[in-house]
N, C-alpha and C. Protein backbone atom coordinates (compact mmCIF):
# COMPACT_ATOMS: atom_id res chain seq x y z
N MET A 1 86.90 66.63 158.70
CA MET A 1 86.83 65.59 157.67
C MET A 1 87.51 66.09 156.39
N GLN A 2 88.51 65.38 155.95
CA GLN A 2 89.24 65.78 154.74
C GLN A 2 88.44 65.40 153.49
N GLU A 3 88.41 66.31 152.53
CA GLU A 3 87.69 66.06 151.29
C GLU A 3 88.62 66.29 150.11
N ILE A 4 88.55 65.39 149.14
CA ILE A 4 89.39 65.49 147.95
C ILE A 4 88.54 65.21 146.71
N ILE A 5 89.19 65.27 145.55
CA ILE A 5 88.55 64.90 144.29
C ILE A 5 89.26 63.67 143.74
N LEU A 6 88.50 62.64 143.40
CA LEU A 6 89.03 61.44 142.78
C LEU A 6 88.72 61.46 141.30
N ILE A 7 89.71 61.16 140.48
CA ILE A 7 89.52 61.12 139.03
C ILE A 7 89.97 59.75 138.54
N LYS A 8 89.07 59.06 137.85
CA LYS A 8 89.38 57.72 137.37
C LYS A 8 89.96 57.76 135.96
N LEU A 9 90.92 56.87 135.72
CA LEU A 9 91.51 56.70 134.39
C LEU A 9 90.92 55.44 133.79
N GLY A 10 89.87 55.60 133.03
CA GLY A 10 89.18 54.44 132.46
C GLY A 10 90.01 53.77 131.39
N GLU A 11 89.94 52.45 131.33
CA GLU A 11 90.70 51.69 130.35
C GLU A 11 90.26 51.99 128.92
N ILE A 12 88.99 52.35 128.74
CA ILE A 12 88.51 52.68 127.40
C ILE A 12 89.24 53.89 126.87
N VAL A 13 89.46 54.87 127.73
CA VAL A 13 90.15 56.09 127.32
C VAL A 13 91.62 55.83 127.05
N LEU A 14 92.22 54.95 127.84
CA LEU A 14 93.66 54.72 127.74
C LEU A 14 94.03 53.78 126.60
N LYS A 15 93.06 53.12 126.02
CA LYS A 15 93.34 52.16 124.97
C LYS A 15 94.09 52.83 123.81
N GLY A 16 95.22 52.27 123.45
CA GLY A 16 95.99 52.79 122.33
C GLY A 16 96.86 53.99 122.68
N LEU A 17 96.81 54.44 123.92
CA LEU A 17 97.62 55.58 124.33
C LEU A 17 98.69 55.12 125.31
N ASN A 18 99.75 55.88 125.40
CA ASN A 18 100.76 55.62 126.40
C ASN A 18 100.23 56.13 127.74
N ARG A 19 100.03 55.22 128.67
CA ARG A 19 99.40 55.58 129.94
C ARG A 19 100.16 56.67 130.68
N GLN A 20 101.47 56.56 130.71
CA GLN A 20 102.26 57.52 131.47
C GLN A 20 102.15 58.91 130.89
N SER A 21 102.24 59.05 129.57
CA SER A 21 102.14 60.37 128.96
C SER A 21 100.72 60.91 129.09
N PHE A 22 99.74 60.01 129.03
CA PHE A 22 98.34 60.43 129.21
C PHE A 22 98.14 61.05 130.58
N SER A 23 98.53 60.31 131.63
CA SER A 23 98.30 60.80 132.99
C SER A 23 99.13 62.03 133.29
N ALA A 24 100.37 62.10 132.76
CA ALA A 24 101.22 63.27 132.98
C ALA A 24 100.61 64.51 132.37
N ALA A 25 100.08 64.39 131.14
CA ALA A 25 99.45 65.52 130.49
C ALA A 25 98.18 65.93 131.23
N LEU A 26 97.42 64.95 131.70
CA LEU A 26 96.19 65.24 132.42
C LEU A 26 96.49 65.99 133.72
N ILE A 27 97.48 65.53 134.46
CA ILE A 27 97.85 66.18 135.71
C ILE A 27 98.37 67.59 135.43
N ARG A 28 99.16 67.75 134.41
CA ARG A 28 99.69 69.07 134.05
C ARG A 28 98.56 70.03 133.71
N ASN A 29 97.60 69.57 132.95
CA ASN A 29 96.48 70.42 132.56
C ASN A 29 95.60 70.78 133.76
N MET A 30 95.44 69.83 134.69
CA MET A 30 94.66 70.13 135.88
C MET A 30 95.36 71.15 136.78
N ARG A 31 96.67 71.02 136.89
CA ARG A 31 97.42 72.00 137.68
C ARG A 31 97.22 73.40 137.14
N ARG A 32 97.28 73.54 135.82
CA ARG A 32 97.09 74.86 135.21
C ARG A 32 95.69 75.38 135.48
N ARG A 33 94.70 74.50 135.38
CA ARG A 33 93.32 74.92 135.56
C ARG A 33 93.03 75.33 137.01
N LEU A 34 93.69 74.66 137.97
CA LEU A 34 93.40 74.89 139.38
C LEU A 34 94.34 75.89 140.05
N ASN A 35 95.37 76.31 139.35
CA ASN A 35 96.44 77.08 139.95
C ASN A 35 95.96 78.31 140.72
N HIS A 36 94.98 79.03 140.19
CA HIS A 36 94.54 80.28 140.81
C HIS A 36 93.73 80.06 142.09
N LEU A 37 93.29 78.82 142.34
CA LEU A 37 92.48 78.56 143.53
C LEU A 37 93.33 78.36 144.79
N GLY A 38 94.59 77.98 144.61
CA GLY A 38 95.44 77.69 145.75
C GLY A 38 96.32 76.48 145.50
N ARG A 39 96.88 75.94 146.55
CA ARG A 39 97.82 74.83 146.41
C ARG A 39 97.09 73.48 146.48
N PHE A 40 97.47 72.60 145.56
CA PHE A 40 96.93 71.25 145.53
C PHE A 40 98.07 70.25 145.42
N GLN A 41 97.87 69.08 146.02
CA GLN A 41 98.74 67.95 145.73
C GLN A 41 97.98 67.05 144.77
N ILE A 42 98.57 66.80 143.60
CA ILE A 42 97.92 65.97 142.59
C ILE A 42 98.85 64.81 142.29
N ARG A 43 98.37 63.60 142.50
CA ARG A 43 99.20 62.42 142.28
C ARG A 43 98.36 61.30 141.69
N GLU A 44 99.03 60.36 141.05
CA GLU A 44 98.34 59.21 140.48
C GLU A 44 98.77 57.94 141.20
N ALA A 45 97.82 57.08 141.45
CA ALA A 45 98.10 55.75 142.02
C ALA A 45 96.88 54.88 141.80
N GLN A 46 97.10 53.63 141.47
CA GLN A 46 96.03 52.64 141.35
C GLN A 46 94.93 53.09 140.39
N SER A 47 95.34 53.56 139.21
CA SER A 47 94.41 53.99 138.16
C SER A 47 93.50 55.13 138.58
N THR A 48 93.95 55.91 139.54
CA THR A 48 93.18 57.04 140.04
C THR A 48 94.10 58.24 140.22
N ILE A 49 93.59 59.41 139.89
CA ILE A 49 94.31 60.65 140.19
C ILE A 49 93.64 61.28 141.40
N TYR A 50 94.46 61.63 142.39
CA TYR A 50 93.98 62.23 143.62
C TYR A 50 94.28 63.72 143.59
N VAL A 51 93.26 64.54 143.74
CA VAL A 51 93.42 65.99 143.77
C VAL A 51 93.10 66.45 145.19
N GLU A 52 94.14 66.76 145.94
CA GLU A 52 93.98 67.07 147.37
C GLU A 52 94.30 68.54 147.62
N PRO A 53 93.33 69.32 148.12
CA PRO A 53 93.61 70.73 148.45
C PRO A 53 94.53 70.83 149.66
N LEU A 54 95.50 71.72 149.59
CA LEU A 54 96.44 71.89 150.69
C LEU A 54 96.16 73.13 151.51
N ASP A 55 95.18 73.92 151.08
CA ASP A 55 94.77 75.12 151.82
C ASP A 55 93.31 74.97 152.24
N ASP A 56 93.02 75.28 153.50
CA ASP A 56 91.66 75.15 154.01
C ASP A 56 90.69 76.09 153.31
N SER A 57 91.21 77.17 152.75
CA SER A 57 90.34 78.18 152.14
C SER A 57 89.89 77.82 150.73
N ILE A 58 90.41 76.73 150.17
CA ILE A 58 90.07 76.37 148.79
C ILE A 58 88.61 75.95 148.68
N ASP A 59 87.94 76.47 147.67
CA ASP A 59 86.54 76.12 147.39
C ASP A 59 86.55 74.83 146.56
N LEU A 60 86.26 73.71 147.20
CA LEU A 60 86.33 72.42 146.50
C LEU A 60 85.23 72.28 145.47
N GLU A 61 84.11 72.95 145.69
CA GLU A 61 83.04 72.90 144.69
C GLU A 61 83.49 73.55 143.39
N GLU A 62 84.17 74.69 143.51
CA GLU A 62 84.69 75.36 142.31
C GLU A 62 85.79 74.51 141.67
N ALA A 63 86.64 73.90 142.51
CA ALA A 63 87.70 73.04 141.98
C ALA A 63 87.12 71.87 141.20
N ALA A 64 86.07 71.26 141.73
CA ALA A 64 85.44 70.13 141.04
C ALA A 64 84.84 70.58 139.71
N GLU A 65 84.25 71.76 139.68
CA GLU A 65 83.67 72.28 138.45
C GLU A 65 84.76 72.50 137.40
N LEU A 66 85.91 73.01 137.83
CA LEU A 66 87.02 73.23 136.89
C LEU A 66 87.58 71.90 136.39
N VAL A 67 87.74 70.95 137.29
CA VAL A 67 88.25 69.63 136.91
C VAL A 67 87.34 68.97 135.88
N SER A 68 86.05 69.15 136.03
CA SER A 68 85.09 68.50 135.14
C SER A 68 85.24 68.96 133.70
N LYS A 69 85.88 70.10 133.48
CA LYS A 69 86.01 70.66 132.14
C LYS A 69 87.36 70.36 131.49
N VAL A 70 88.20 69.59 132.19
CA VAL A 70 89.52 69.24 131.65
C VAL A 70 89.38 68.00 130.77
N PHE A 71 89.79 68.11 129.50
CA PHE A 71 89.71 66.96 128.61
C PHE A 71 90.60 65.83 129.12
N GLY A 72 90.06 64.63 129.07
CA GLY A 72 90.75 63.47 129.60
C GLY A 72 90.11 62.96 130.88
N VAL A 73 89.32 63.81 131.55
CA VAL A 73 88.60 63.39 132.75
C VAL A 73 87.31 62.71 132.32
N ILE A 74 87.24 61.42 132.51
CA ILE A 74 86.06 60.65 132.14
C ILE A 74 84.99 60.73 133.23
N ALA A 75 85.41 60.54 134.47
CA ALA A 75 84.49 60.61 135.60
C ALA A 75 85.27 61.08 136.81
N PHE A 76 84.58 61.81 137.67
CA PHE A 76 85.23 62.30 138.88
C PHE A 76 84.22 62.28 140.03
N SER A 77 84.75 62.36 141.24
CA SER A 77 83.87 62.37 142.40
C SER A 77 84.55 63.10 143.54
N ARG A 78 83.78 63.91 144.24
CA ARG A 78 84.26 64.43 145.51
C ARG A 78 84.13 63.31 146.54
N ALA A 79 85.14 63.16 147.36
CA ALA A 79 85.16 62.06 148.32
C ALA A 79 85.75 62.54 149.64
N CYS A 80 85.32 61.92 150.73
CA CYS A 80 85.98 62.19 152.01
C CYS A 80 86.98 61.07 152.28
N VAL A 81 88.00 61.42 153.03
CA VAL A 81 89.08 60.48 153.34
C VAL A 81 89.16 60.30 154.85
N VAL A 82 89.17 59.05 155.29
CA VAL A 82 89.30 58.76 156.72
C VAL A 82 90.30 57.63 156.90
N GLU A 83 90.68 57.41 158.14
CA GLU A 83 91.59 56.31 158.43
C GLU A 83 90.91 54.97 158.15
N LYS A 84 91.72 53.98 157.87
CA LYS A 84 91.21 52.66 157.50
C LYS A 84 90.83 51.85 158.73
N GLU A 85 89.80 52.34 159.42
CA GLU A 85 89.25 51.67 160.59
C GLU A 85 87.73 51.67 160.44
N MET A 86 87.09 50.53 160.60
CA MET A 86 85.67 50.42 160.32
C MET A 86 84.80 51.41 161.11
N PRO A 87 85.03 51.63 162.40
CA PRO A 87 84.17 52.61 163.11
C PRO A 87 84.23 53.99 162.46
N LYS A 88 85.42 54.40 162.04
CA LYS A 88 85.55 55.71 161.41
C LYS A 88 84.93 55.72 160.01
N ILE A 89 85.05 54.61 159.31
CA ILE A 89 84.45 54.52 157.98
C ILE A 89 82.93 54.59 158.08
N LEU A 90 82.36 53.88 159.04
CA LEU A 90 80.91 53.87 159.22
C LEU A 90 80.39 55.27 159.54
N GLU A 91 81.02 55.91 160.50
CA GLU A 91 80.58 57.24 160.92
C GLU A 91 80.73 58.26 159.78
N ALA A 92 81.86 58.19 159.09
CA ALA A 92 82.10 59.14 158.01
C ALA A 92 81.14 58.95 156.85
N THR A 93 80.78 57.70 156.55
CA THR A 93 79.83 57.45 155.46
C THR A 93 78.49 58.10 155.76
N ALA A 94 78.00 57.92 156.97
CA ALA A 94 76.72 58.51 157.34
C ALA A 94 76.79 60.03 157.35
N ASP A 95 77.88 60.58 157.87
CA ASP A 95 78.01 62.05 157.96
C ASP A 95 78.20 62.68 156.59
N TYR A 96 79.10 62.11 155.80
CA TYR A 96 79.46 62.74 154.53
C TYR A 96 78.32 62.69 153.52
N LEU A 97 77.58 61.60 153.51
CA LEU A 97 76.50 61.43 152.53
C LEU A 97 75.12 61.67 153.14
N CYS A 98 75.09 62.32 154.29
CA CYS A 98 73.84 62.51 155.02
C CYS A 98 72.78 63.21 154.17
N GLY A 99 73.17 64.26 153.48
CA GLY A 99 72.21 65.01 152.67
C GLY A 99 71.54 64.15 151.62
N GLN A 100 72.34 63.33 150.94
CA GLN A 100 71.78 62.45 149.91
C GLN A 100 70.97 61.31 150.51
N LEU A 101 71.50 60.71 151.56
CA LEU A 101 70.84 59.55 152.16
C LEU A 101 69.51 59.92 152.81
N SER A 102 69.38 61.16 153.27
CA SER A 102 68.15 61.60 153.91
C SER A 102 67.04 61.86 152.92
N SER A 103 67.39 62.06 151.65
CA SER A 103 66.40 62.49 150.67
C SER A 103 66.03 61.40 149.66
N ILE A 104 66.51 60.17 149.89
CA ILE A 104 66.22 59.07 148.96
C ILE A 104 65.55 57.94 149.74
N SER A 105 65.17 56.89 149.01
CA SER A 105 64.53 55.76 149.69
C SER A 105 65.31 54.46 149.55
N SER A 106 66.19 54.37 148.54
CA SER A 106 66.90 53.11 148.35
C SER A 106 68.38 53.34 148.07
N PHE A 107 69.20 52.37 148.43
CA PHE A 107 70.63 52.48 148.22
C PHE A 107 71.24 51.09 148.16
N LYS A 108 72.47 51.04 147.72
CA LYS A 108 73.30 49.85 147.91
C LYS A 108 74.73 50.32 148.13
N VAL A 109 75.55 49.45 148.66
CA VAL A 109 76.94 49.78 148.95
C VAL A 109 77.84 48.93 148.07
N GLU A 110 78.78 49.57 147.42
CA GLU A 110 79.82 48.88 146.66
C GLU A 110 81.17 49.21 147.27
N SER A 111 81.93 48.20 147.62
CA SER A 111 83.23 48.40 148.26
C SER A 111 84.33 47.81 147.40
N LYS A 112 85.48 48.44 147.48
CA LYS A 112 86.66 47.96 146.77
C LYS A 112 87.84 48.01 147.73
N ARG A 113 88.51 46.88 147.88
CA ARG A 113 89.63 46.80 148.82
C ARG A 113 90.92 46.63 148.02
N SER A 114 91.53 47.76 147.64
CA SER A 114 92.81 47.71 146.94
C SER A 114 93.94 47.36 147.89
N ASP A 115 93.81 47.79 149.14
CA ASP A 115 94.81 47.46 150.16
C ASP A 115 94.44 46.11 150.77
N LYS A 116 95.11 45.06 150.32
CA LYS A 116 94.77 43.70 150.76
C LYS A 116 95.15 43.43 152.21
N ARG A 117 95.86 44.37 152.84
CA ARG A 117 96.19 44.21 154.26
C ARG A 117 94.98 44.52 155.15
N PHE A 118 94.00 45.19 154.59
CA PHE A 118 92.81 45.51 155.38
C PHE A 118 92.10 44.20 155.72
N PRO A 119 91.71 44.01 157.00
CA PRO A 119 91.25 42.69 157.45
C PRO A 119 89.93 42.22 156.86
N LEU A 120 89.06 43.12 156.44
CA LEU A 120 87.77 42.72 155.89
C LEU A 120 87.81 42.71 154.37
N LYS A 121 87.11 41.76 153.78
CA LYS A 121 86.99 41.71 152.33
C LYS A 121 85.86 42.63 151.89
N SER A 122 85.82 42.91 150.59
CA SER A 122 84.85 43.88 150.06
C SER A 122 83.41 43.57 150.45
N PRO A 123 82.94 42.32 150.31
CA PRO A 123 81.54 42.05 150.70
C PRO A 123 81.27 42.31 152.18
N GLU A 124 82.27 42.05 153.02
CA GLU A 124 82.10 42.29 154.45
C GLU A 124 82.04 43.78 154.76
N ILE A 125 82.85 44.56 154.06
CA ILE A 125 82.80 46.02 154.22
C ILE A 125 81.43 46.54 153.82
N SER A 126 80.95 46.10 152.66
CA SER A 126 79.65 46.55 152.17
C SER A 126 78.54 46.18 153.14
N ALA A 127 78.60 44.97 153.68
CA ALA A 127 77.56 44.52 154.60
C ALA A 127 77.52 45.37 155.87
N GLN A 128 78.70 45.67 156.42
CA GLN A 128 78.75 46.46 157.64
C GLN A 128 78.28 47.89 157.40
N VAL A 129 78.73 48.47 156.29
CA VAL A 129 78.31 49.85 155.97
C VAL A 129 76.81 49.89 155.72
N GLY A 130 76.30 48.93 154.96
CA GLY A 130 74.87 48.90 154.68
C GLY A 130 74.03 48.77 155.95
N GLU A 131 74.44 47.87 156.83
CA GLU A 131 73.71 47.68 158.08
C GLU A 131 73.71 48.95 158.92
N TYR A 132 74.86 49.61 158.97
CA TYR A 132 74.97 50.85 159.76
C TYR A 132 74.07 51.94 159.19
N LEU A 133 74.05 52.08 157.86
CA LEU A 133 73.23 53.12 157.24
C LEU A 133 71.75 52.85 157.44
N LEU A 134 71.35 51.60 157.43
CA LEU A 134 69.94 51.26 157.68
C LEU A 134 69.54 51.65 159.11
N GLU A 135 70.47 51.52 160.03
CA GLU A 135 70.20 51.91 161.41
C GLU A 135 70.08 53.42 161.56
N GLN A 136 70.90 54.15 160.80
CA GLN A 136 70.96 55.61 160.93
C GLN A 136 69.86 56.32 160.14
N PHE A 137 69.39 55.69 159.08
CA PHE A 137 68.42 56.35 158.19
C PHE A 137 67.20 55.44 158.01
N PRO A 138 66.16 55.64 158.84
CA PRO A 138 64.97 54.77 158.78
C PRO A 138 64.23 54.86 157.44
N ASN A 139 64.49 55.91 156.67
CA ASN A 139 63.82 56.07 155.38
C ASN A 139 64.38 55.15 154.30
N LEU A 140 65.49 54.48 154.58
CA LEU A 140 66.18 53.72 153.55
C LEU A 140 65.84 52.24 153.55
N HIS A 141 65.92 51.66 152.36
CA HIS A 141 65.96 50.21 152.22
C HIS A 141 66.99 49.88 151.13
N VAL A 142 67.47 48.66 151.14
CA VAL A 142 68.49 48.23 150.19
C VAL A 142 67.83 47.77 148.90
N ASP A 143 68.37 48.25 147.78
CA ASP A 143 67.92 47.81 146.46
C ASP A 143 69.18 47.58 145.62
N VAL A 144 69.55 46.34 145.43
CA VAL A 144 70.80 46.03 144.74
C VAL A 144 70.68 46.16 143.22
N HIS A 145 69.46 46.26 142.71
CA HIS A 145 69.26 46.29 141.26
C HIS A 145 69.06 47.70 140.71
N ASN A 146 68.29 48.53 141.41
CA ASN A 146 68.01 49.87 140.90
C ASN A 146 67.95 50.87 142.05
N PRO A 147 69.07 51.08 142.73
CA PRO A 147 69.06 51.98 143.90
C PRO A 147 69.04 53.45 143.49
N ASP A 148 68.52 54.28 144.37
CA ASP A 148 68.59 55.72 144.16
C ASP A 148 70.02 56.23 144.29
N LEU A 149 70.81 55.57 145.12
CA LEU A 149 72.20 55.98 145.34
C LEU A 149 73.08 54.75 145.55
N VAL A 150 74.23 54.75 144.90
CA VAL A 150 75.25 53.75 145.17
C VAL A 150 76.30 54.40 146.07
N VAL A 151 76.44 53.88 147.26
CA VAL A 151 77.46 54.36 148.21
C VAL A 151 78.73 53.58 147.93
N ARG A 152 79.81 54.30 147.68
CA ARG A 152 81.06 53.65 147.33
C ARG A 152 82.10 53.84 148.44
N VAL A 153 82.71 52.73 148.85
CA VAL A 153 83.77 52.74 149.86
C VAL A 153 84.99 52.08 149.24
N GLU A 154 86.09 52.82 149.18
CA GLU A 154 87.31 52.29 148.58
C GLU A 154 88.43 52.29 149.63
N ILE A 155 88.98 51.11 149.88
CA ILE A 155 90.09 50.98 150.82
C ILE A 155 91.37 50.98 150.01
N ARG A 156 92.09 52.08 150.06
CA ARG A 156 93.29 52.24 149.24
C ARG A 156 94.51 52.44 150.13
N ASP A 157 95.66 52.56 149.48
CA ASP A 157 96.91 52.67 150.24
C ASP A 157 96.93 53.89 151.15
N PHE A 158 96.32 55.00 150.68
CA PHE A 158 96.43 56.26 151.41
C PHE A 158 95.32 56.48 152.42
N GLY A 159 94.32 55.60 152.44
CA GLY A 159 93.21 55.78 153.37
C GLY A 159 91.94 55.14 152.83
N ALA A 160 90.84 55.39 153.52
CA ALA A 160 89.53 54.93 153.07
C ALA A 160 88.80 56.10 152.45
N TYR A 161 88.28 55.89 151.24
CA TYR A 161 87.62 56.95 150.48
C TYR A 161 86.14 56.63 150.34
N ILE A 162 85.31 57.61 150.64
CA ILE A 162 83.87 57.43 150.64
C ILE A 162 83.25 58.45 149.70
N HIS A 163 82.40 57.98 148.80
CA HIS A 163 81.75 58.92 147.89
C HIS A 163 80.48 58.30 147.34
N GLY A 164 79.70 59.15 146.68
CA GLY A 164 78.48 58.70 146.04
C GLY A 164 78.69 58.52 144.55
N GLN A 165 77.68 58.87 143.79
CA GLN A 165 77.71 58.66 142.35
C GLN A 165 78.75 59.55 141.69
N PRO A 166 79.69 58.98 140.93
CA PRO A 166 80.63 59.81 140.17
C PRO A 166 79.88 60.64 139.12
N LEU A 167 80.47 61.76 138.78
CA LEU A 167 79.90 62.65 137.78
C LEU A 167 80.72 62.58 136.50
N PRO A 168 80.10 62.81 135.35
CA PRO A 168 80.85 62.76 134.10
C PRO A 168 81.75 63.97 133.92
N GLY A 169 82.93 63.73 133.36
CA GLY A 169 83.83 64.82 133.02
C GLY A 169 83.71 65.19 131.56
N ALA A 170 84.69 65.91 131.05
CA ALA A 170 84.65 66.39 129.67
C ALA A 170 84.90 65.26 128.67
N GLY A 171 85.53 64.16 129.13
CA GLY A 171 85.84 63.07 128.21
C GLY A 171 87.01 63.40 127.32
N GLY A 172 87.13 62.68 126.23
CA GLY A 172 88.22 62.92 125.28
C GLY A 172 89.57 62.52 125.84
N ILE A 173 90.60 63.13 125.30
CA ILE A 173 91.96 62.89 125.77
C ILE A 173 92.58 64.22 126.16
N PRO A 174 93.61 64.21 127.02
CA PRO A 174 94.20 65.46 127.48
C PRO A 174 94.83 66.27 126.35
N VAL A 175 94.69 67.58 126.44
CA VAL A 175 95.39 68.47 125.54
C VAL A 175 96.89 68.27 125.74
N GLY A 176 97.62 68.08 124.66
CA GLY A 176 99.06 67.89 124.76
C GLY A 176 99.51 66.47 124.52
N THR A 177 98.55 65.53 124.41
CA THR A 177 98.96 64.16 124.11
C THR A 177 99.19 63.98 122.62
N GLY A 178 98.61 64.85 121.80
CA GLY A 178 98.94 64.93 120.37
C GLY A 178 98.36 63.83 119.51
N GLY A 179 97.97 64.23 118.29
CA GLY A 179 97.64 63.26 117.26
C GLY A 179 96.31 62.57 117.37
N ALA A 180 95.43 63.06 118.24
CA ALA A 180 94.16 62.35 118.38
C ALA A 180 93.01 63.31 118.59
N ALA A 181 93.03 64.44 117.90
CA ALA A 181 91.97 65.43 118.05
C ALA A 181 90.62 64.84 117.66
N SER A 182 90.62 64.02 116.63
CA SER A 182 89.35 63.44 116.20
C SER A 182 88.81 62.48 117.26
N THR A 183 89.74 61.77 117.94
CA THR A 183 89.31 60.87 119.00
C THR A 183 88.69 61.67 120.13
N ALA A 184 89.31 62.80 120.45
CA ALA A 184 88.77 63.64 121.52
C ALA A 184 87.37 64.12 121.17
N ARG A 185 87.17 64.53 119.91
CA ARG A 185 85.85 65.01 119.52
C ARG A 185 84.82 63.89 119.58
N SER A 186 85.22 62.71 119.14
CA SER A 186 84.25 61.62 119.08
C SER A 186 83.88 61.13 120.46
N ARG A 187 84.77 61.27 121.44
CA ARG A 187 84.48 60.77 122.78
C ARG A 187 83.97 61.85 123.71
N ARG A 188 83.97 63.09 123.25
CA ARG A 188 83.57 64.18 124.13
C ARG A 188 82.16 63.93 124.65
N GLY A 189 82.04 64.05 125.96
CA GLY A 189 80.74 63.90 126.58
C GLY A 189 80.32 62.46 126.84
N ARG A 190 81.05 61.50 126.31
CA ARG A 190 80.71 60.11 126.57
C ARG A 190 81.33 59.68 127.88
N TRP A 191 80.60 58.91 128.64
CA TRP A 191 81.06 58.52 129.98
C TRP A 191 80.82 57.03 130.18
N PRO A 192 81.82 56.21 129.86
CA PRO A 192 81.62 54.78 130.04
C PRO A 192 81.49 54.41 131.49
N SER A 193 80.48 53.64 131.82
CA SER A 193 80.27 53.27 133.22
C SER A 193 81.43 52.47 133.77
N ALA A 194 82.18 51.82 132.87
CA ALA A 194 83.31 51.00 133.33
C ALA A 194 84.43 51.82 133.91
N ALA A 195 84.38 53.14 133.72
CA ALA A 195 85.47 54.00 134.18
C ALA A 195 85.63 53.95 135.70
N TRP A 196 84.58 53.61 136.43
CA TRP A 196 84.68 53.62 137.90
C TRP A 196 84.69 52.22 138.47
N ASN A 197 84.85 51.22 137.67
CA ASN A 197 84.88 49.85 138.19
C ASN A 197 86.29 49.40 138.50
């Protein structure tokens, strides 16, 4: 099972900034921070930066910790990547989030279908994943208002991405974008929930 790090570019952070220079500086700073761990492919698409380890020996937990300290990262999540086929998505969701799903009592599924060629719409994806998880984990029930865990399934151009609750990053703006040190200080540590919508 392939695992990567997803980093969201929230619109609140990008407001008033040149998006291209923002993301370029952020990617450059992440490359420098991760360089000693091994080789990574880092690319941006669909308002998301994908940090993919290219060496099996890379410690993704350490990589995620380093990424979380890079200014400009509002929220990030470790995610597994599978082919865009529902049987594989269902199995991977249960396997990848097994530890969390086994230790909680309530959940809900939120799906996003960026790849419109995928035959199921977001509500249908959520319904199938939710039904499958209820079958696999008898301890669970669905709570759409205040769940212990939100299971996220994203159907994107490069594959299907599965993850749980995003974690807050350092916030602010990337070092090297210039002229907004005060903005970085004022936003440091703030994590708008809209960053992952």
